[in-house]
Amino acid sequence: MENTNIPAPILQLRQDDVVAIPLERYEELIEFETRLGMLRKMRFIEVVQNNSTYIQSGDFVLGGMVLEALLSNQDKAKQPQEAADG
Protein backbone atom coordinates (compact mmCIF):
# COMPACT_ATOMS: atom_id res chain seq x y z
CA MET A 1 0.00 0.00 0.00
CA GLU A 2 1.15 3.47 -0.81
CA ASN A 3 1.41 6.06 1.97
CA THR A 4 -0.71 9.05 0.91
CA ASN A 5 0.10 11.11 4.02
CA ILE A 6 3.46 12.24 2.62
CA PRO A 7 3.17 15.83 1.36
CA ALA A 8 4.22 16.62 -2.18
CA PRO A 9 7.73 18.10 -2.37
CA ILE A 10 8.01 21.85 -2.83
CA LEU A 11 10.76 21.38 -5.39
CA GLN A 12 11.08 18.41 -7.66
CA LEU A 13 14.19 17.84 -9.78
CA ARG A 14 13.34 16.27 -13.11
CA GLN A 15 15.68 14.21 -15.26
CA ASP A 16 16.50 17.15 -17.55
CA ASP A 17 17.92 19.24 -14.66
CA VAL A 18 14.79 21.40 -14.53
CA VAL A 19 13.15 22.08 -11.18
CA ALA A 20 9.39 21.87 -11.07
CA ILE A 21 7.46 23.77 -8.40
CA PRO A 22 3.75 24.31 -7.85
CA LEU A 23 2.35 27.46 -9.46
CA GLU A 24 1.32 28.91 -6.08
CA ARG A 25 4.89 28.58 -4.82
CA TYR A 26 6.25 30.16 -8.01
CA GLU A 27 3.95 33.16 -7.60
CA GLU A 28 5.08 33.51 -3.99
CA LEU A 29 8.76 33.37 -4.99
CA ILE A 30 8.26 36.02 -7.68
CA GLU A 31 6.53 38.28 -5.14
CA PHE A 32 9.39 37.79 -2.65
CA GLU A 33 12.00 38.47 -5.33
CA THR A 34 10.17 41.65 -6.35
CA ARG A 35 9.96 42.90 -2.77
CA LEU A 36 13.61 42.07 -2.09
CA GLY A 37 14.61 43.95 -5.23
CA MET A 38 12.63 46.99 -4.11
CA LEU A 39 14.20 46.92 -0.63
CA ARG A 40 17.66 46.50 -2.13
CA LYS A 41 17.17 49.46 -4.47
CA MET A 42 15.71 51.70 -1.74
CA ARG A 43 18.61 50.95 0.63
CA PHE A 44 21.17 51.44 -2.16
CA ILE A 45 19.73 54.87 -2.97
CA GLU A 46 19.73 55.77 0.74
CA VAL A 47 23.38 54.71 1.12
CA VAL A 48 24.53 56.61 -1.97
CA GLN A 49 22.58 59.80 -1.25
CA ASN A 50 23.61 60.00 2.41
CA ASN A 51 27.17 58.70 1.95
CA SER A 52 26.30 56.24 4.71
CA THR A 53 29.12 54.18 6.18
CA TYR A 54 27.09 52.35 8.84
CA ILE A 55 26.35 48.73 7.93
CA GLN A 56 23.04 47.51 9.34
CA SER A 57 22.33 43.83 9.92
CA GLY A 58 19.77 43.85 7.10
CA ASP A 59 22.44 45.03 4.66
CA PHE A 60 24.00 41.56 4.77
CA VAL A 61 20.68 40.11 3.59
CA LEU A 62 20.43 42.71 0.82
CA GLY A 63 24.05 41.99 -0.11
CA GLY A 64 25.69 42.84 -3.42
CA MET A 65 25.46 46.43 -4.52
CA VAL A 66 24.33 47.66 -1.08
CA LEU A 67 27.36 46.26 0.73
CA GLU A 68 29.69 47.40 -2.06
CA ALA A 69 28.36 50.97 -1.76
CA LEU A 70 28.75 50.94 2.02
CA LEU A 71 32.30 49.58 1.86
CA SER A 72 33.18 52.14 -0.80
CA ASN A 73 31.83 54.92 1.44
CA GLN A 74 33.87 53.56 4.35
CA ASP A 75 37.03 53.60 2.23
CA LYS A 76 36.34 57.19 1.15
CA ALA A 77 35.79 58.22 4.78
CA LYS A 78 39.10 56.64 5.85
CA GLN A 79 41.22 58.36 3.19
CA PRO A 80 41.11 61.92 4.64
CA GLN A 81 41.67 60.55 8.14
CA GLU A 82 44.70 58.52 7.01
CA ALA A 83 46.12 61.55 5.20
CA ALA A 84 45.77 63.64 8.36
CA ASP A 85 47.39 60.92 10.48
CA GLY A 86 50.22 60.32 7.96
PDB file of N, CA and C in Angstrom:
ATOM      1  N   MET A   1       0.835  -1.188   0.000  1.00  0.00           N
ATOM      2  CA  MET A   1       0.000   0.000   0.000  1.00  0.00           C
ATOM      3  C   MET A   1       0.876   1.246   0.000  1.00  0.00           C
ATOM      4  N   GLU A   2       0.409   2.227  -0.683  1.00  0.00           N
ATOM      5  CA  GLU A   2       1.154   3.474  -0.805  1.00  0.00           C
ATOM      6  C   GLU A   2       0.728   4.434   0.296  1.00  0.00           C
ATOM      7  N   ASN A   3       1.699   5.093   0.915  1.00  0.00           N
ATOM      8  CA  ASN A   3       1.407   6.059   1.970  1.00  0.00           C
ATOM      9  C   ASN A   3       1.014   7.381   1.327  1.00  0.00           C
ATOM     10  N   THR A   4      -0.224   7.804   1.514  1.00  0.00           N
ATOM     11  CA  THR A   4      -0.708   9.049   0.907  1.00  0.00           C
ATOM     12  C   THR A   4      -0.601  10.233   1.852  1.00  0.00           C
ATOM     13  N   ASN A   5      -0.042  10.017   3.052  1.00  0.00           N
ATOM     14  CA  ASN A   5       0.098  11.106   4.019  1.00  0.00           C
ATOM     15  C   ASN A   5       1.355  11.938   3.784  1.00  0.00           C
ATOM     16  N   ILE A   6       2.221  11.513   2.907  1.00  0.00           N
ATOM     17  CA  ILE A   6       3.460  12.244   2.625  1.00  0.00           C
ATOM     18  C   ILE A   6       3.128  13.431   1.726  1.00  0.00           C
ATOM     19  N   PRO A   7       3.467  14.650   2.192  1.00  0.00           N
ATOM     20  CA  PRO A   7       3.166  15.827   1.361  1.00  0.00           C
ATOM     21  C   PRO A   7       4.013  15.851   0.096  1.00  0.00           C
ATOM     22  N   ALA A   8       3.481  16.475  -0.920  1.00  0.00           N
ATOM     23  CA  ALA A   8       4.217  16.624  -2.176  1.00  0.00           C
ATOM     24  C   ALA A   8       5.411  17.541  -1.949  1.00  0.00           C
ATOM     25  N   PRO A   9       6.546  17.249  -2.560  1.00  0.00           N
ATOM     26  CA  PRO A   9       7.728  18.102  -2.372  1.00  0.00           C
ATOM     27  C   PRO A   9       7.499  19.493  -2.962  1.00  0.00           C
ATOM     28  N   ILE A  10       8.119  20.485  -2.324  1.00  0.00           N
ATOM     29  CA  ILE A  10       8.013  21.854  -2.831  1.00  0.00           C
ATOM     30  C   ILE A  10       8.775  21.970  -4.138  1.00  0.00           C
ATOM     31  N   LEU A  11       9.952  21.381  -4.178  1.00  0.00           N
ATOM     32  CA  LEU A  11      10.760  21.381  -5.395  1.00  0.00           C
ATOM     33  C   LEU A  11      10.947  19.946  -5.852  1.00  0.00           C
ATOM     34  N   GLN A  12      10.907  19.754  -7.121  1.00  0.00           N
ATOM     35  CA  GLN A  12      11.079  18.409  -7.660  1.00  0.00           C
ATOM     36  C   GLN A  12      12.035  18.481  -8.847  1.00  0.00           C
ATOM     37  N   LEU A  13      13.187  17.838  -8.712  1.00  0.00           N
ATOM     38  CA  LEU A  13      14.189  17.844  -9.778  1.00  0.00           C
ATOM     39  C   LEU A  13      13.833  16.773 -10.800  1.00  0.00           C
ATOM     40  N   ARG A  14      13.664  17.211 -12.033  1.00  0.00           N
ATOM     41  CA  ARG A  14      13.341  16.275 -13.106  1.00  0.00           C
ATOM     42  C   ARG A  14      14.635  15.773 -13.740  1.00  0.00           C
ATOM     43  N   GLN A  15      14.511  14.821 -14.635  1.00  0.00           N
ATOM     44  CA  GLN A  15      15.684  14.214 -15.261  1.00  0.00           C
ATOM     45  C   GLN A  15      16.462  15.189 -16.133  1.00  0.00           C
ATOM     46  N   ASP A  16      15.819  16.211 -16.659  1.00  0.00           N
ATOM     47  CA  ASP A  16      16.497  17.154 -17.553  1.00  0.00           C
ATOM     48  C   ASP A  16      17.072  18.360 -16.814  1.00  0.00           C
ATOM     49  N   ASP A  17      17.349  18.183 -15.513  1.00  0.00           N
ATOM     50  CA  ASP A  17      17.919  19.238 -14.659  1.00  0.00           C
ATOM     51  C   ASP A  17      17.044  20.481 -14.580  1.00  0.00           C
ATOM     52  N   VAL A  18      15.750  20.309 -14.686  1.00  0.00           N
ATOM     53  CA  VAL A  18      14.791  21.400 -14.527  1.00  0.00           C
ATOM     54  C   VAL A  18      14.047  21.157 -13.227  1.00  0.00           C
ATOM     55  N   VAL A  19      13.876  22.203 -12.440  1.00  0.00           N
ATOM     56  CA  VAL A  19      13.152  22.077 -11.184  1.00  0.00           C
ATOM     57  C   VAL A  19      11.700  22.444 -11.417  1.00  0.00           C
ATOM     58  N   ALA A  20      10.813  21.603 -10.958  1.00  0.00           N
ATOM     59  CA  ALA A  20       9.385  21.872 -11.071  1.00  0.00           C
ATOM     60  C   ALA A  20       8.853  22.263  -9.697  1.00  0.00           C
ATOM     61  N   ILE A  21       8.090  23.344  -9.648  1.00  0.00           N
ATOM     62  CA  ILE A  21       7.462  23.769  -8.399  1.00  0.00           C
ATOM     63  C   ILE A  21       5.995  24.064  -8.680  1.00  0.00           C
ATOM     64  N   PRO A  22       5.163  23.975  -7.653  1.00  0.00           N
ATOM     65  CA  PRO A  22       3.753  24.312  -7.848  1.00  0.00           C
ATOM     66  C   PRO A  22       3.603  25.787  -8.220  1.00  0.00           C
ATOM     67  N   LEU A  23       2.589  26.101  -8.992  1.00  0.00           N
ATOM     68  CA  LEU A  23       2.354  27.461  -9.461  1.00  0.00           C
ATOM     69  C   LEU A  23       2.196  28.439  -8.304  1.00  0.00           C
ATOM     70  N   GLU A  24       1.511  28.025  -7.239  1.00  0.00           N
ATOM     71  CA  GLU A  24       1.321  28.912  -6.083  1.00  0.00           C
ATOM     72  C   GLU A  24       2.664  29.294  -5.469  1.00  0.00           C
ATOM     73  N   ARG A  25       3.562  28.323  -5.380  1.00  0.00           N
ATOM     74  CA  ARG A  25       4.892  28.582  -4.819  1.00  0.00           C
ATOM     75  C   ARG A  25       5.689  29.496  -5.743  1.00  0.00           C
ATOM     76  N   TYR A  26       5.571  29.310  -7.041  1.00  0.00           N
ATOM     77  CA  TYR A  26       6.255  30.158  -8.014  1.00  0.00           C
ATOM     78  C   TYR A  26       5.790  31.604  -7.874  1.00  0.00           C
ATOM     79  N   GLU A  27       4.484  31.804  -7.763  1.00  0.00           N
ATOM     80  CA  GLU A  27       3.949  33.160  -7.602  1.00  0.00           C
ATOM     81  C   GLU A  27       4.484  33.798  -6.330  1.00  0.00           C
ATOM     82  N   GLU A  28       4.564  33.011  -5.260  1.00  0.00           N
ATOM     83  CA  GLU A  28       5.083  33.515  -3.994  1.00  0.00           C
ATOM     84  C   GLU A  28       6.557  33.905  -4.128  1.00  0.00           C
ATOM     85  N   LEU A  29       7.338  33.079  -4.793  1.00  0.00           N
ATOM     86  CA  LEU A  29       8.762  33.371  -4.990  1.00  0.00           C
ATOM     87  C   LEU A  29       8.977  34.627  -5.824  1.00  0.00           C
ATOM     88  N   ILE A  30       8.163  34.810  -6.855  1.00  0.00           N
ATOM     89  CA  ILE A  30       8.261  36.017  -7.681  1.00  0.00           C
ATOM     90  C   ILE A  30       7.928  37.248  -6.850  1.00  0.00           C
ATOM     91  N   GLU A  31       6.901  37.150  -6.011  1.00  0.00           N
ATOM     92  CA  GLU A  31       6.533  38.277  -5.145  1.00  0.00           C
ATOM     93  C   GLU A  31       7.668  38.599  -4.174  1.00  0.00           C
ATOM     94  N   PHE A  32       8.268  37.570  -3.572  1.00  0.00           N
ATOM     95  CA  PHE A  32       9.390  37.785  -2.653  1.00  0.00           C
ATOM     96  C   PHE A  32      10.577  38.420  -3.367  1.00  0.00           C
ATOM     97  N   GLU A  33      10.878  37.934  -4.557  1.00  0.00           N
ATOM     98  CA  GLU A  33      11.995  38.474  -5.326  1.00  0.00           C
ATOM     99  C   GLU A  33      11.754  39.938  -5.678  1.00  0.00           C
ATOM    100  N   THR A  34      10.521  40.265  -6.028  1.00  0.00           N
ATOM    101  CA  THR A  34      10.172  41.648  -6.354  1.00  0.00           C
ATOM    102  C   THR A  34      10.340  42.547  -5.141  1.00  0.00           C
ATOM    103  N   ARG A  35       9.841  42.096  -3.994  1.00  0.00           N
ATOM    104  CA  ARG A  35       9.959  42.900  -2.766  1.00  0.00           C
ATOM    105  C   ARG A  35      11.415  43.062  -2.338  1.00  0.00           C
ATOM    106  N   LEU A  36      12.190  41.991  -2.439  1.00  0.00           N
ATOM    107  CA  LEU A  36      13.606  42.070  -2.092  1.00  0.00           C
ATOM    108  C   LEU A  36      14.327  43.050  -3.008  1.00  0.00           C
ATOM    109  N   GLY A  37      14.010  43.013  -4.283  1.00  0.00           N
ATOM    110  CA  GLY A  37      14.606  43.950  -5.230  1.00  0.00           C
ATOM    111  C   GLY A  37      14.274  45.394  -4.894  1.00  0.00           C
ATOM    112  N   MET A  38      13.035  45.630  -4.483  1.00  0.00           N
ATOM    113  CA  MET A  38      12.626  46.987  -4.105  1.00  0.00           C
ATOM    114  C   MET A  38      13.372  47.447  -2.859  1.00  0.00           C
ATOM    115  N   LEU A  39      13.467  46.573  -1.849  1.00  0.00           N
ATOM    116  CA  LEU A  39      14.196  46.918  -0.626  1.00  0.00           C
ATOM    117  C   LEU A  39      15.667  47.179  -0.913  1.00  0.00           C
ATOM    118  N   ARG A  40      16.255  46.338  -1.765  1.00  0.00           N
ATOM    119  CA  ARG A  40      17.664  46.497  -2.129  1.00  0.00           C
ATOM    120  C   ARG A  40      17.895  47.846  -2.812  1.00  0.00           C
ATOM    121  N   LYS A  41      17.014  48.203  -3.743  1.00  0.00           N
ATOM    122  CA  LYS A  41      17.168  49.458  -4.473  1.00  0.00           C
ATOM    123  C   LYS A  41      16.967  50.662  -3.554  1.00  0.00           C
ATOM    124  N   MET A  42      15.963  50.592  -2.662  1.00  0.00           N
ATOM    125  CA  MET A  42      15.710  51.701  -1.738  1.00  0.00           C
ATOM    126  C   MET A  42      16.903  51.923  -0.816  1.00  0.00           C
ATOM    127  N   ARG A  43      17.468  50.832  -0.281  1.00  0.00           N
ATOM    128  CA  ARG A  43      18.611  50.955   0.628  1.00  0.00           C
ATOM    129  C   ARG A  43      19.846  51.452  -0.120  1.00  0.00           C
ATOM    130  N   PHE A  44      20.040  50.987  -1.354  1.00  0.00           N
ATOM    131  CA  PHE A  44      21.169  51.443  -2.155  1.00  0.00           C
ATOM    132  C   PHE A  44      21.086  52.950  -2.378  1.00  0.00           C
ATOM    133  N   ILE A  45      19.917  53.436  -2.747  1.00  0.00           N
ATOM    134  CA  ILE A  45      19.731  54.874  -2.974  1.00  0.00           C
ATOM    135  C   ILE A  45      20.001  55.643  -1.689  1.00  0.00           C
ATOM    136  N   GLU A  46      19.503  55.128  -0.558  1.00  0.00           N
ATOM    137  CA  GLU A  46      19.732  55.773   0.738  1.00  0.00           C
ATOM    138  C   GLU A  46      21.226  55.845   1.060  1.00  0.00           C
ATOM    139  N   VAL A  47      21.941  54.763   0.834  1.00  0.00           N
ATOM    140  CA  VAL A  47      23.377  54.709   1.120  1.00  0.00           C
ATOM    141  C   VAL A  47      24.132  55.704   0.251  1.00  0.00           C
ATOM    142  N   VAL A  48      23.818  55.737  -1.034  1.00  0.00           N
ATOM    143  CA  VAL A  48      24.527  56.611  -1.966  1.00  0.00           C
ATOM    144  C   VAL A  48      24.221  58.078  -1.677  1.00  0.00           C
ATOM    145  N   GLN A  49      22.957  58.404  -1.463  1.00  0.00           N
ATOM    146  CA  GLN A  49      22.579  59.802  -1.249  1.00  0.00           C
ATOM    147  C   GLN A  49      23.124  60.359   0.058  1.00  0.00           C
ATOM    148  N   ASN A  50      23.167  59.528   1.099  1.00  0.00           N
ATOM    149  CA  ASN A  50      23.607  60.004   2.411  1.00  0.00           C
ATOM    150  C   ASN A  50      25.078  59.718   2.698  1.00  0.00           C
ATOM    151  N   ASN A  51      25.781  59.118   1.738  1.00  0.00           N
ATOM    152  CA  ASN A  51      27.171  58.699   1.954  1.00  0.00           C
ATOM    153  C   ASN A  51      27.310  57.894   3.241  1.00  0.00           C
ATOM    154  N   SER A  52      26.340  57.040   3.485  1.00  0.00           N
ATOM    155  CA  SER A  52      26.295  56.242   4.705  1.00  0.00           C
ATOM    156  C   SER A  52      27.470  55.279   4.766  1.00  0.00           C
ATOM    157  N   THR A  53      28.041  55.139   5.961  1.00  0.00           N
ATOM    158  CA  THR A  53      29.121  54.183   6.177  1.00  0.00           C
ATOM    159  C   THR A  53      28.715  53.111   7.183  1.00  0.00           C
ATOM    160  N   TYR A  54      27.547  53.267   7.792  1.00  0.00           N
ATOM    161  CA  TYR A  54      27.089  52.346   8.838  1.00  0.00           C
ATOM    162  C   TYR A  54      26.406  51.138   8.211  1.00  0.00           C
ATOM    163  N   ILE A  55      26.932  49.966   8.467  1.00  0.00           N
ATOM    164  CA  ILE A  55      26.352  48.732   7.933  1.00  0.00           C
ATOM    165  C   ILE A  55      25.351  48.191   8.943  1.00  0.00           C
ATOM    166  N   GLN A  56      24.102  48.071   8.512  1.00  0.00           N
ATOM    167  CA  GLN A  56      23.040  47.511   9.337  1.00  0.00           C
ATOM    168  C   GLN A  56      22.988  46.004   9.117  1.00  0.00           C
ATOM    169  N   SER A  57      22.403  45.290  10.059  1.00  0.00           N
ATOM    170  CA  SER A  57      22.331  43.828   9.925  1.00  0.00           C
ATOM    171  C   SER A  57      21.569  43.422   8.668  1.00  0.00           C
ATOM    172  N   GLY A  58      20.543  44.157   8.295  1.00  0.00           N
ATOM    173  CA  GLY A  58      19.772  43.852   7.097  1.00  0.00           C
ATOM    174  C   GLY A  58      20.558  44.025   5.815  1.00  0.00           C
ATOM    175  N   ASP A  59      21.622  44.807   5.862  1.00  0.00           N
ATOM    176  CA  ASP A  59      22.435  45.025   4.665  1.00  0.00           C
ATOM    177  C   ASP A  59      23.113  43.738   4.204  1.00  0.00           C
ATOM    178  N   PHE A  60      23.396  42.841   5.146  1.00  0.00           N
ATOM    179  CA  PHE A  60      23.998  41.560   4.771  1.00  0.00           C
ATOM    180  C   PHE A  60      23.001  40.707   3.998  1.00  0.00           C
ATOM    181  N   VAL A  61      21.729  40.831   4.329  1.00  0.00           N
ATOM    182  CA  VAL A  61      20.683  40.114   3.593  1.00  0.00           C
ATOM    183  C   VAL A  61      20.535  40.711   2.202  1.00  0.00           C
ATOM    184  N   LEU A  62      20.575  42.037   2.108  1.00  0.00           N
ATOM    185  CA  LEU A  62      20.433  42.710   0.817  1.00  0.00           C
ATOM    186  C   LEU A  62      21.655  42.466  -0.059  1.00  0.00           C
ATOM    187  N   GLY A  63      22.826  42.372   0.574  1.00  0.00           N
ATOM    188  CA  GLY A  63      24.054  41.990  -0.110  1.00  0.00           C
ATOM    189  C   GLY A  63      24.461  42.860  -1.277  1.00  0.00           C
ATOM    190  N   GLY A  64      25.259  42.263  -2.156  1.00  0.00           N
ATOM    191  CA  GLY A  64      25.694  42.835  -3.415  1.00  0.00           C
ATOM    192  C   GLY A  64      25.970  44.311  -3.444  1.00  0.00           C
ATOM    193  N   MET A  65      25.188  45.016  -4.250  1.00  0.00           N
ATOM    194  CA  MET A  65      25.463  46.425  -4.519  1.00  0.00           C
ATOM    195  C   MET A  65      25.324  47.285  -3.270  1.00  0.00           C
ATOM    196  N   VAL A  66      24.486  46.883  -2.308  1.00  0.00           N
ATOM    197  CA  VAL A  66      24.326  47.660  -1.078  1.00  0.00           C
ATOM    198  C   VAL A  66      25.610  47.597  -0.262  1.00  0.00           C
ATOM    199  N   LEU A  67      26.122  46.401  -0.039  1.00  0.00           N
ATOM    200  CA  LEU A  67      27.363  46.261   0.728  1.00  0.00           C
ATOM    201  C   LEU A  67      28.545  46.904   0.011  1.00  0.00           C
ATOM    202  N   GLU A  68      28.606  46.779  -1.293  1.00  0.00           N
ATOM    203  CA  GLU A  68      29.687  47.404  -2.056  1.00  0.00           C
ATOM    204  C   GLU A  68      29.665  48.918  -1.894  1.00  0.00           C
ATOM    205  N   ALA A  69      28.481  49.518  -1.931  1.00  0.00           N
ATOM    206  CA  ALA A  69      28.363  50.970  -1.764  1.00  0.00           C
ATOM    207  C   ALA A  69      28.786  51.385  -0.360  1.00  0.00           C
ATOM    208  N   LEU A  70      28.366  50.621   0.645  1.00  0.00           N
ATOM    209  CA  LEU A  70      28.746  50.940   2.022  1.00  0.00           C
ATOM    210  C   LEU A  70      30.255  50.825   2.225  1.00  0.00           C
ATOM    211  N   LEU A  71      30.850  49.765   1.717  1.00  0.00           N
ATOM    212  CA  LEU A  71      32.297  49.584   1.863  1.00  0.00           C
ATOM    213  C   LEU A  71      33.069  50.660   1.109  1.00  0.00           C
ATOM    214  N   SER A  72      32.556  51.057  -0.039  1.00  0.00           N
ATOM    215  CA  SER A  72      33.177  52.139  -0.799  1.00  0.00           C
ATOM    216  C   SER A  72      33.119  53.444  -0.006  1.00  0.00           C
ATOM    217  N   ASN A  73      31.972  53.714   0.617  1.00  0.00           N
ATOM    218  CA  ASN A  73      31.835  54.920   1.436  1.00  0.00           C
ATOM    219  C   ASN A  73      32.774  54.873   2.635  1.00  0.00           C
ATOM    220  N   GLN A  74      32.944  53.688   3.227  1.00  0.00           N
ATOM    221  CA  GLN A  74      33.866  53.558   4.354  1.00  0.00           C
ATOM    222  C   GLN A  74      35.299  53.843   3.917  1.00  0.00           C
ATOM    223  N   ASP A  75      35.680  53.338   2.744  1.00  0.00           N
ATOM    224  CA  ASP A  75      37.026  53.599   2.225  1.00  0.00           C
ATOM    225  C   ASP A  75      37.242  55.087   1.979  1.00  0.00           C
ATOM    226  N   LYS A  76      36.238  55.752   1.414  1.00  0.00           N
ATOM    227  CA  LYS A  76      36.337  57.190   1.152  1.00  0.00           C
ATOM    228  C   LYS A  76      36.454  57.967   2.450  1.00  0.00           C
ATOM    229  N   ALA A  77      35.749  57.527   3.487  1.00  0.00           N
ATOM    230  CA  ALA A  77      35.789  58.219   4.775  1.00  0.00           C
ATOM    231  C   ALA A  77      37.147  58.038   5.454  1.00  0.00           C
ATOM    232  N   LYS A  78      37.805  56.913   5.229  1.00  0.00           N
ATOM    233  CA  LYS A  78      39.104  56.641   5.852  1.00  0.00           C
ATOM    234  C   LYS A  78      40.234  57.426   5.196  1.00  0.00           C
ATOM    235  N   GLN A  79      40.137  57.717   3.921  1.00  0.00           N
ATOM    236  CA  GLN A  79      41.224  58.364   3.190  1.00  0.00           C
ATOM    237  C   GLN A  79      41.619  59.715   3.780  1.00  0.00           C
ATOM    238  N   PRO A  80      40.691  60.639   4.039  1.00  0.00           N
ATOM    239  CA  PRO A  80      41.110  61.919   4.637  1.00  0.00           C
ATOM    240  C   PRO A  80      41.701  61.743   6.032  1.00  0.00           C
ATOM    241  N   GLN A  81      41.165  60.791   6.797  1.00  0.00           N
ATOM    242  CA  GLN A  81      41.671  60.548   8.139  1.00  0.00           C
ATOM    243  C   GLN A  81      43.096  59.993   8.082  1.00  0.00           C
ATOM    244  N   GLU A  82      43.360  59.084   7.159  1.00  0.00           N
ATOM    245  CA  GLU A  82      44.699  58.516   7.012  1.00  0.00           C
ATOM    246  C   GLU A  82      45.691  59.573   6.539  1.00  0.00           C
ATOM    247  N   ALA A  83      45.250  60.478   5.683  1.00  0.00           N
ATOM    248  CA  ALA A  83      46.123  61.549   5.199  1.00  0.00           C
ATOM    249  C   ALA A  83      46.482  62.493   6.342  1.00  0.00           C
ATOM    250  N   ALA A  84      45.519  62.762   7.223  1.00  0.00           N
ATOM    251  CA  ALA A  84      45.774  63.645   8.360  1.00  0.00           C
ATOM    252  C   ALA A  84      46.694  62.974   9.378  1.00  0.00           C
ATOM    253  N   ASP A  85      46.553  61.656   9.532  1.00  0.00           N
ATOM    254  CA  ASP A  85      47.391  60.917  10.480  1.00  0.00           C
ATOM    255  C   ASP A  85      48.813  60.716   9.948  1.00  0.00           C
ATOM    256  N   GLY A  86      48.939  60.649   8.599  1.00  0.00           N
ATOM    257  CA  GLY A  86      50.217  60.316   7.964  1.00  0.00           C
ATOM    258  C   GLY A  86      51.173  61.406   8.031  1.00  0.00           C
TER     259      GLY A  86
END
